[in-house]
Amino acid sequence: MSLSINEANPKASAFGSERIQEILDQTGCVGIRIYNGYYDSKRRFVLVGVDEDGNDMTSGRILDYSTPCPPYCAPSTSLG
């Protein structure tokens, strides 16, 4: 199966470890939930902290910017 992938529909995104750690370091955060979102008609991944009850921590740190692939892809990967 071959997928047509372009900048409007990324196949992956990279987030910096410091930004992810900012989410995890929030008081009460036990994990991260990833949503598919849109910005400027382009699909983006959005990361939000999750508390022990499974609630999104929307009043805290939210990551909505990443380095999309394409065009910024790993030179070689077996994942896609």
PDB file of N, CA and C in Angstrom:
ATOM      1  N   MET A   1       0.844  -1.174   0.000  1.00  0.00           N
ATOM      2  CA  MET A   1       0.000   0.000   0.000  1.00  0.00           C
ATOM      3  C   MET A   1       0.888   1.234   0.000  1.00  0.00           C
ATOM      4  N   SER A   2       0.557   2.186  -0.813  1.00  0.00           N
ATOM      5  CA  SER A   2       1.324   3.428  -0.898  1.00  0.00           C
ATOM      6  C   SER A   2       0.420   4.597  -0.537  1.00  0.00           C
ATOM      7  N   LEU A   3       0.916   5.468   0.323  1.00  0.00           N
ATOM      8  CA  LEU A   3       0.147   6.635   0.731  1.00  0.00           C
ATOM      9  C   LEU A   3       0.715   7.874   0.074  1.00  0.00           C
ATOM     10  N   SER A   4      -0.150   8.779  -0.316  1.00  0.00           N
ATOM     11  CA  SER A   4       0.292  10.066  -0.828  1.00  0.00           C
ATOM     12  C   SER A   4       0.424  11.011   0.357  1.00  0.00           C
ATOM     13  N   ILE A   5       1.646  11.375   0.682  1.00  0.00           N
ATOM     14  CA  ILE A   5       1.914  12.213   1.843  1.00  0.00           C
ATOM     15  C   ILE A   5       2.445  13.554   1.365  1.00  0.00           C
ATOM     16  N   ASN A   6       1.931  14.635   1.934  1.00  0.00           N
ATOM     17  CA  ASN A   6       2.444  15.957   1.610  1.00  0.00           C
ATOM     18  C   ASN A   6       2.439  16.813   2.866  1.00  0.00           C
ATOM     19  N   GLU A   7       2.839  18.068   2.734  1.00  0.00           N
ATOM     20  CA  GLU A   7       2.931  18.931   3.906  1.00  0.00           C
ATOM     21  C   GLU A   7       1.588  19.151   4.592  1.00  0.00           C
ATOM     22  N   ALA A   8       0.489  19.080   3.860  1.00  0.00           N
ATOM     23  CA  ALA A   8      -0.830  19.271   4.467  1.00  0.00           C
ATOM     24  C   ALA A   8      -1.247  18.049   5.279  1.00  0.00           C
ATOM     25  N   ASN A   9      -0.623  16.924   5.004  1.00  0.00           N
ATOM     26  CA  ASN A   9      -0.938  15.671   5.694  1.00  0.00           C
ATOM     27  C   ASN A   9       0.352  14.979   6.111  1.00  0.00           C
ATOM     28  N   PRO A  10       0.984  15.466   7.178  1.00  0.00           N
ATOM     29  CA  PRO A  10       2.267  14.881   7.583  1.00  0.00           C
ATOM     30  C   PRO A  10       2.122  13.432   8.026  1.00  0.00           C
ATOM     31  N   LYS A  11       3.193  12.666   7.815  1.00  0.00           N
ATOM     32  CA  LYS A  11       3.196  11.282   8.285  1.00  0.00           C
ATOM     33  C   LYS A  11       3.838  11.172   9.660  1.00  0.00           C
ATOM     34  N   ALA A  12       4.523  12.237  10.084  1.00  0.00           N
ATOM     35  CA  ALA A  12       5.165  12.250  11.400  1.00  0.00           C
ATOM     36  C   ALA A  12       5.433  13.693  11.812  1.00  0.00           C
ATOM     37  N   SER A  13       5.733  13.877  13.084  1.00  0.00           N
ATOM     38  CA  SER A  13       6.133  15.183  13.611  1.00  0.00           C
ATOM     39  C   SER A  13       7.136  14.954  14.723  1.00  0.00           C
ATOM     40  N   ALA A  14       8.069  15.880  14.854  1.00  0.00           N
ATOM     41  CA  ALA A  14       9.066  15.792  15.923  1.00  0.00           C
ATOM     42  C   ALA A  14       8.821  16.905  16.936  1.00  0.00           C
ATOM     43  N   PHE A  15       8.862  16.538  18.222  1.00  0.00           N
ATOM     44  CA  PHE A  15       8.729  17.488  19.324  1.00  0.00           C
ATOM     45  C   PHE A  15      10.007  17.428  20.147  1.00  0.00           C
ATOM     46  N   GLY A  16      10.509  18.568  20.575  1.00  0.00           N
ATOM     47  CA  GLY A  16      11.709  18.600  21.407  1.00  0.00           C
ATOM     48  C   GLY A  16      11.455  18.019  22.788  1.00  0.00           C
ATOM     49  N   SER A  17      12.472  17.370  23.337  1.00  0.00           N
ATOM     50  CA  SER A  17      12.327  16.730  24.647  1.00  0.00           C
ATOM     51  C   SER A  17      12.037  17.743  25.753  1.00  0.00           C
ATOM     52  N   GLU A  18      12.595  18.944  25.642  1.00  0.00           N
ATOM     53  CA  GLU A  18      12.341  19.965  26.667  1.00  0.00           C
ATOM     54  C   GLU A  18      10.872  20.362  26.697  1.00  0.00           C
ATOM     55  N   ARG A  19      10.262  20.462  25.537  1.00  0.00           N
ATOM     56  CA  ARG A  19       8.838  20.841  25.467  1.00  0.00           C
ATOM     57  C   ARG A  19       7.953  19.723  26.020  1.00  0.00           C
ATOM     58  N   ILE A  20       8.289  18.490  25.706  1.00  0.00           N
ATOM     59  CA  ILE A  20       7.525  17.360  26.245  1.00  0.00           C
ATOM     60  C   ILE A  20       7.681  17.307  27.760  1.00  0.00           C
ATOM     61  N   GLN A  21       8.889  17.540  28.243  1.00  0.00           N
ATOM     62  CA  GLN A  21       9.141  17.523  29.687  1.00  0.00           C
ATOM     63  C   GLN A  21       8.351  18.615  30.394  1.00  0.00           C
ATOM     64  N   GLU A  22       8.160  19.777  29.736  1.00  0.00           N
ATOM     65  CA  GLU A  22       7.356  20.855  30.326  1.00  0.00           C
ATOM     66  C   GLU A  22       5.933  20.388  30.595  1.00  0.00           C
ATOM     67  N   ILE A  23       5.395  19.578  29.704  1.00  0.00           N
ATOM     68  CA  ILE A  23       4.051  19.026  29.915  1.00  0.00           C
ATOM     69  C   ILE A  23       4.079  18.061  31.094  1.00  0.00           C
ATOM     70  N   LEU A  24       5.023  17.133  31.090  1.00  0.00           N
ATOM     71  CA  LEU A  24       5.092  16.107  32.132  1.00  0.00           C
ATOM     72  C   LEU A  24       5.396  16.676  33.512  1.00  0.00           C
ATOM     73  N   ASP A  25       6.090  17.807  33.579  1.00  0.00           N
ATOM     74  CA  ASP A  25       6.454  18.415  34.861  1.00  0.00           C
ATOM     75  C   ASP A  25       5.312  19.189  35.524  1.00  0.00           C
ATOM     76  N   GLN A  26       4.176  19.326  34.846  1.00  0.00           N
ATOM     77  CA  GLN A  26       3.045  20.031  35.446  1.00  0.00           C
ATOM     78  C   GLN A  26       2.517  19.246  36.650  1.00  0.00           C
ATOM     79  N   THR A  27       2.136  19.958  37.683  1.00  0.00           N
ATOM     80  CA  THR A  27       1.566  19.324  38.867  1.00  0.00           C
ATOM     81  C   THR A  27       0.330  18.515  38.484  1.00  0.00           C
ATOM     82  N   GLY A  28       0.323  17.239  38.838  1.00  0.00           N
ATOM     83  CA  GLY A  28      -0.827  16.374  38.578  1.00  0.00           C
ATOM     84  C   GLY A  28      -0.797  15.664  37.238  1.00  0.00           C
ATOM     85  N   CYS A  29       0.199  15.935  36.422  1.00  0.00           N
ATOM     86  CA  CYS A  29       0.272  15.303  35.102  1.00  0.00           C
ATOM     87  C   CYS A  29       0.839  13.892  35.229  1.00  0.00           C
ATOM     88  N   VAL A  30       0.123  12.920  34.641  1.00  0.00           N
ATOM     89  CA  VAL A  30       0.578  11.529  34.682  1.00  0.00           C
ATOM     90  C   VAL A  30       0.856  10.965  33.287  1.00  0.00           C
ATOM     91  N   GLY A  31       0.615  11.755  32.257  1.00  0.00           N
ATOM     92  CA  GLY A  31       0.847  11.282  30.894  1.00  0.00           C
ATOM     93  C   GLY A  31       0.538  12.354  29.877  1.00  0.00           C
ATOM     94  N   ILE A  32       0.588  11.958  28.614  1.00  0.00           N
ATOM     95  CA  ILE A  32       0.348  12.873  27.500  1.00  0.00           C
ATOM     96  C   ILE A  32      -0.667  12.251  26.555  1.00  0.00           C
ATOM     97  N   ARG A  33      -1.597  13.073  26.068  1.00  0.00           N
ATOM     98  CA  ARG A  33      -2.545  12.651  25.037  1.00  0.00           C
ATOM     99  C   ARG A  33      -2.199  13.425  23.766  1.00  0.00           C
ATOM    100  N   ILE A  34      -2.291  12.738  22.624  1.00  0.00           N
ATOM    101  CA  ILE A  34      -1.976  13.355  21.338  1.00  0.00           C
ATOM    102  C   ILE A  34      -3.243  13.415  20.495  1.00  0.00           C
ATOM    103  N   TYR A  35      -3.549  14.617  20.014  1.00  0.00           N
ATOM    104  CA  TYR A  35      -4.710  14.836  19.156  1.00  0.00           C
ATOM    105  C   TYR A  35      -4.257  15.198  17.749  1.00  0.00           C
ATOM    106  N   ASN A  36      -5.091  14.884  16.775  1.00  0.00           N
ATOM    107  CA  ASN A  36      -4.910  15.381  15.416  1.00  0.00           C
ATOM    108  C   ASN A  36      -5.660  16.696  15.327  1.00  0.00           C
ATOM    109  N   GLY A  37      -4.981  17.740  14.878  1.00  0.00           N
ATOM    110  CA  GLY A  37      -5.613  19.044  14.756  1.00  0.00           C
ATOM    111  C   GLY A  37      -5.279  19.671  13.418  1.00  0.00           C
ATOM    112  N   TYR A  38      -5.773  20.887  13.202  1.00  0.00           N
ATOM    113  CA  TYR A  38      -5.507  21.619  11.964  1.00  0.00           C
ATOM    114  C   TYR A  38      -5.077  23.036  12.287  1.00  0.00           C
ATOM    115  N   TYR A  39      -4.122  23.536  11.514  1.00  0.00           N
ATOM    116  CA  TYR A  39      -3.684  24.922  11.605  1.00  0.00           C
ATOM    117  C   TYR A  39      -3.336  25.362  10.191  1.00  0.00           C
ATOM    118  N   ASP A  40      -3.915  26.466   9.748  1.00  0.00           N
ATOM    119  CA  ASP A  40      -3.692  26.941   8.373  1.00  0.00           C
ATOM    120  C   ASP A  40      -3.991  25.847   7.353  1.00  0.00           C
ATOM    121  N   SER A  41      -5.055  25.113   7.569  1.00  0.00           N
ATOM    122  CA  SER A  41      -5.481  24.026   6.689  1.00  0.00           C
ATOM    123  C   SER A  41      -4.471  22.887   6.596  1.00  0.00           C
ATOM    124  N   LYS A  42      -3.528  22.844   7.521  1.00  0.00           N
ATOM    125  CA  LYS A  42      -2.555  21.752   7.548  1.00  0.00           C
ATOM    126  C   LYS A  42      -2.757  20.943   8.817  1.00  0.00           C
ATOM    127  N   ARG A  43      -2.688  19.632   8.668  1.00  0.00           N
ATOM    128  CA  ARG A  43      -2.873  18.752   9.814  1.00  0.00           C
ATOM    129  C   ARG A  43      -1.668  18.868  10.743  1.00  0.00           C
ATOM    130  N   ARG A  44      -1.947  18.952  12.035  1.00  0.00           N
ATOM    131  CA  ARG A  44      -0.896  19.059  13.046  1.00  0.00           C
ATOM    132  C   ARG A  44      -1.245  18.150  14.213  1.00  0.00           C
ATOM    133  N   PHE A  45      -0.219  17.716  14.928  1.00  0.00           N
ATOM    134  CA  PHE A  45      -0.423  16.941  16.138  1.00  0.00           C
ATOM    135  C   PHE A  45      -0.374  17.892  17.328  1.00  0.00           C
ATOM    136  N   VAL A  46      -1.277  17.686  18.284  1.00  0.00           N
ATOM    137  CA  VAL A  46      -1.373  18.539  19.468  1.00  0.00           C
ATOM    138  C   VAL A  46      -1.197  17.648  20.694  1.00  0.00           C
ATOM    139  N   LEU A  47      -0.273  18.025  21.584  1.00  0.00           N
ATOM    140  CA  LEU A  47       0.007  17.255  22.792  1.00  0.00           C
ATOM    141  C   LEU A  47      -0.482  18.017  24.008  1.00  0.00           C
ATOM    142  N   VAL A  48      -1.163  17.304  24.906  1.00  0.00           N
ATOM    143  CA  VAL A  48      -1.697  17.910  26.122  1.00  0.00           C
ATOM    144  C   VAL A  48      -1.477  16.939  27.283  1.00  0.00           C
ATOM    145  N   GLY A  49      -1.224  17.485  28.456  1.00  0.00           N
ATOM    146  CA  GLY A  49      -1.064  16.653  29.636  1.00  0.00           C
ATOM    147  C   GLY A  49      -2.380  16.014  30.050  1.00  0.00           C
ATOM    148  N   VAL A  50      -2.274  14.877  30.744  1.00  0.00           N
ATOM    149  CA  VAL A  50      -3.442  14.149  31.236  1.00  0.00           C
ATOM    150  C   VAL A  50      -3.264  13.937  32.735  1.00  0.00           C
ATOM    151  N   ASP A  51      -4.341  14.180  33.503  1.00  0.00           N
ATOM    152  CA  ASP A  51      -4.257  13.972  34.951  1.00  0.00           C
ATOM    153  C   ASP A  51      -4.637  12.535  35.311  1.00  0.00           C
ATOM    154  N   GLU A  52      -4.568  12.205  36.593  1.00  0.00           N
ATOM    155  CA  GLU A  52      -4.814  10.818  37.031  1.00  0.00           C
ATOM    156  C   GLU A  52      -6.234  10.339  36.770  1.00  0.00           C
ATOM    157  N   ASP A  53      -7.168  11.263  36.542  1.00  0.00           N
ATOM    158  CA  ASP A  53      -8.544  10.885  36.227  1.00  0.00           C
ATOM    159  C   ASP A  53      -8.782  10.763  34.726  1.00  0.00           C
ATOM    160  N   GLY A  54      -7.727  10.973  33.929  1.00  0.00           N
ATOM    161  CA  GLY A  54      -7.862  10.877  32.480  1.00  0.00           C
ATOM    162  C   GLY A  54      -8.330  12.150  31.813  1.00  0.00           C
ATOM    163  N   ASN A  55      -8.360  13.256  32.571  1.00  0.00           N
ATOM    164  CA  ASN A  55      -8.800  14.535  32.012  1.00  0.00           C
ATOM    165  C   ASN A  55      -7.650  15.260  31.324  1.00  0.00           C
ATOM    166  N   ASP A  56      -7.952  15.916  30.210  1.00  0.00           N
ATOM    167  CA  ASP A  56      -6.968  16.765  29.553  1.00  0.00           C
ATOM    168  C   ASP A  56      -6.693  17.982  30.425  1.00  0.00           C
ATOM    169  N   MET A  57      -5.435  18.358  30.531  1.00  0.00           N
ATOM    170  CA  MET A  57      -5.035  19.519  31.328  1.00  0.00           C
ATOM    171  C   MET A  57      -4.955  20.739  30.405  1.00  0.00           C
ATOM    172  N   THR A  58      -6.119  21.170  29.917  1.00  0.00           N
ATOM    173  CA  THR A  58      -6.175  22.228  28.908  1.00  0.00           C
ATOM    174  C   THR A  58      -5.817  23.610  29.434  1.00  0.00           C
ATOM    175  N   SER A  59      -5.776  23.785  30.744  1.00  0.00           N
ATOM    176  CA  SER A  59      -5.368  25.086  31.278  1.00  0.00           C
ATOM    177  C   SER A  59      -3.855  25.135  31.479  1.00  0.00           C
ATOM    178  N   GLY A  60      -3.170  24.040  31.161  1.00  0.00           N
ATOM    179  CA  GLY A  60      -1.721  23.971  31.312  1.00  0.00           C
ATOM    180  C   GLY A  60      -1.008  24.100  29.983  1.00  0.00           C
ATOM    181  N   ARG A  61       0.180  23.540  29.927  1.00  0.00           N
ATOM    182  CA  ARG A  61       1.031  23.598  28.738  1.00  0.00           C
ATOM    183  C   ARG A  61       0.462  22.698  27.653  1.00  0.00           C
ATOM    184  N   ILE A  62       0.305  23.243  26.447  1.00  0.00           N
ATOM    185  CA  ILE A  62      -0.160  22.487  25.290  1.00  0.00           C
ATOM    186  C   ILE A  62       0.845  22.690  24.164  1.00  0.00           C
ATOM    187  N   LEU A  63       1.256  21.619  23.530  1.00  0.00           N
ATOM    188  CA  LEU A  63       2.157  21.720  22.384  1.00  0.00           C
ATOM    189  C   LEU A  63       1.343  21.604  21.111  1.00  0.00           C
ATOM    190  N   ASP A  64       1.395  22.637  20.296  1.00  0.00           N
ATOM    191  CA  ASP A  64       0.668  22.601  19.033  1.00  0.00           C
ATOM    192  C   ASP A  64       1.572  22.965  17.865  1.00  0.00           C
ATOM    193  N   TYR A  65       2.875  22.996  18.123  1.00  0.00           N
ATOM    194  CA  TYR A  65       3.825  23.256  17.049  1.00  0.00           C
ATOM    195  C   TYR A  65       4.897  22.174  17.078  1.00  0.00           C
ATOM    196  N   SER A  66       5.186  21.635  15.929  1.00  0.00           N
ATOM    197  CA  SER A  66       6.208  20.600  15.818  1.00  0.00           C
ATOM    198  C   SER A  66       6.931  20.766  14.489  1.00  0.00           C
ATOM    199  N   THR A  67       7.918  19.929  14.276  1.00  0.00           N
ATOM    200  CA  THR A  67       8.626  19.897  13.004  1.00  0.00           C
ATOM    201  C   THR A  67       8.012  18.769  12.182  1.00  0.00           C
ATOM    202  N   PRO A  68       7.221  19.113  11.149  1.00  0.00           N
ATOM    203  CA  PRO A  68       6.495  18.088  10.399  1.00  0.00           C
ATOM    204  C   PRO A  68       7.368  17.351   9.379  1.00  0.00           C
ATOM    205  N   CYS A  69       6.978  16.116   9.119  1.00  0.00           N
ATOM    206  CA  CYS A  69       7.586  15.289   8.079  1.00  0.00           C
ATOM    207  C   CYS A  69       6.479  14.850   7.130  1.00  0.00           C
ATOM    208  N   PRO A  70       6.556  15.209   5.871  1.00  0.00           N
ATOM    209  CA  PRO A  70       7.538  16.070   5.254  1.00  0.00           C
ATOM    210  C   PRO A  70       7.309  17.534   5.613  1.00  0.00           C
ATOM    211  N   PRO A  71       8.267  18.364   5.393  1.00  0.00           N
ATOM    212  CA  PRO A  71       9.506  18.162   4.651  1.00  0.00           C
ATOM    213  C   PRO A  71      10.694  17.752   5.518  1.00  0.00           C
ATOM    214  N   TYR A  72      10.565  17.811   6.851  1.00  0.00           N
ATOM    215  CA  TYR A  72      11.702  17.533   7.734  1.00  0.00           C
ATOM    216  C   TYR A  72      11.649  16.093   8.234  1.00  0.00           C
ATOM    217  N   CYS A  73      12.062  15.168   7.386  1.00  0.00           N
ATOM    218  CA  CYS A  73      11.988  13.743   7.708  1.00  0.00           C
ATOM    219  C   CYS A  73      13.357  13.186   8.085  1.00  0.00           C
ATOM    220  N   ALA A  74      13.326  12.092   8.826  1.00  0.00           N
ATOM    221  CA  ALA A  74      14.562  11.372   9.135  1.00  0.00           C
ATOM    222  C   ALA A  74      15.152  10.844   7.830  1.00  0.00           C
ATOM    223  N   PRO A  75      16.481  10.868   7.689  1.00  0.00           N
ATOM    224  CA  PRO A  75      17.081  10.397   6.441  1.00  0.00           C
ATOM    225  C   PRO A  75      16.790   8.922   6.157  1.00  0.00           C
ATOM    226  N   SER A  76      16.628   8.136   7.216  1.00  0.00           N
ATOM    227  CA  SER A  76      16.364   6.715   7.029  1.00  0.00           C
ATOM    228  C   SER A  76      15.580   6.205   8.229  1.00  0.00           C
ATOM    229  N   THR A  77      14.452   5.565   7.966  1.00  0.00           N
ATOM    230  CA  THR A  77      13.650   4.994   9.043  1.00  0.00           C
ATOM    231  C   THR A  77      12.851   3.811   8.516  1.00  0.00           C
ATOM    232  N   SER A  78      12.607   2.849   9.359  1.00  0.00           N
ATOM    233  CA  SER A  78      11.787   1.703   8.970  1.00  0.00           C
ATOM    234  C   SER A  78      10.320   1.927   9.330  1.00  0.00           C
ATOM    235  N   LEU A  79      10.017   3.106   9.906  1.00  0.00           N
ATOM    236  CA  LEU A  79       8.652   3.372  10.372  1.00  0.00           C
ATOM    237  C   LEU A  79       7.770   4.041   9.331  1.00  0.00           C
ATOM    238  N   GLY A  80       8.271   4.395   8.214  1.00  0.00           N
ATOM    239  CA  GLY A  80       7.390   4.998   7.237  1.00  0.00           C
ATOM    240  C   GLY A  80       8.112   5.828   6.267  1.00  0.00           C
TER     241      GLY A  80
END
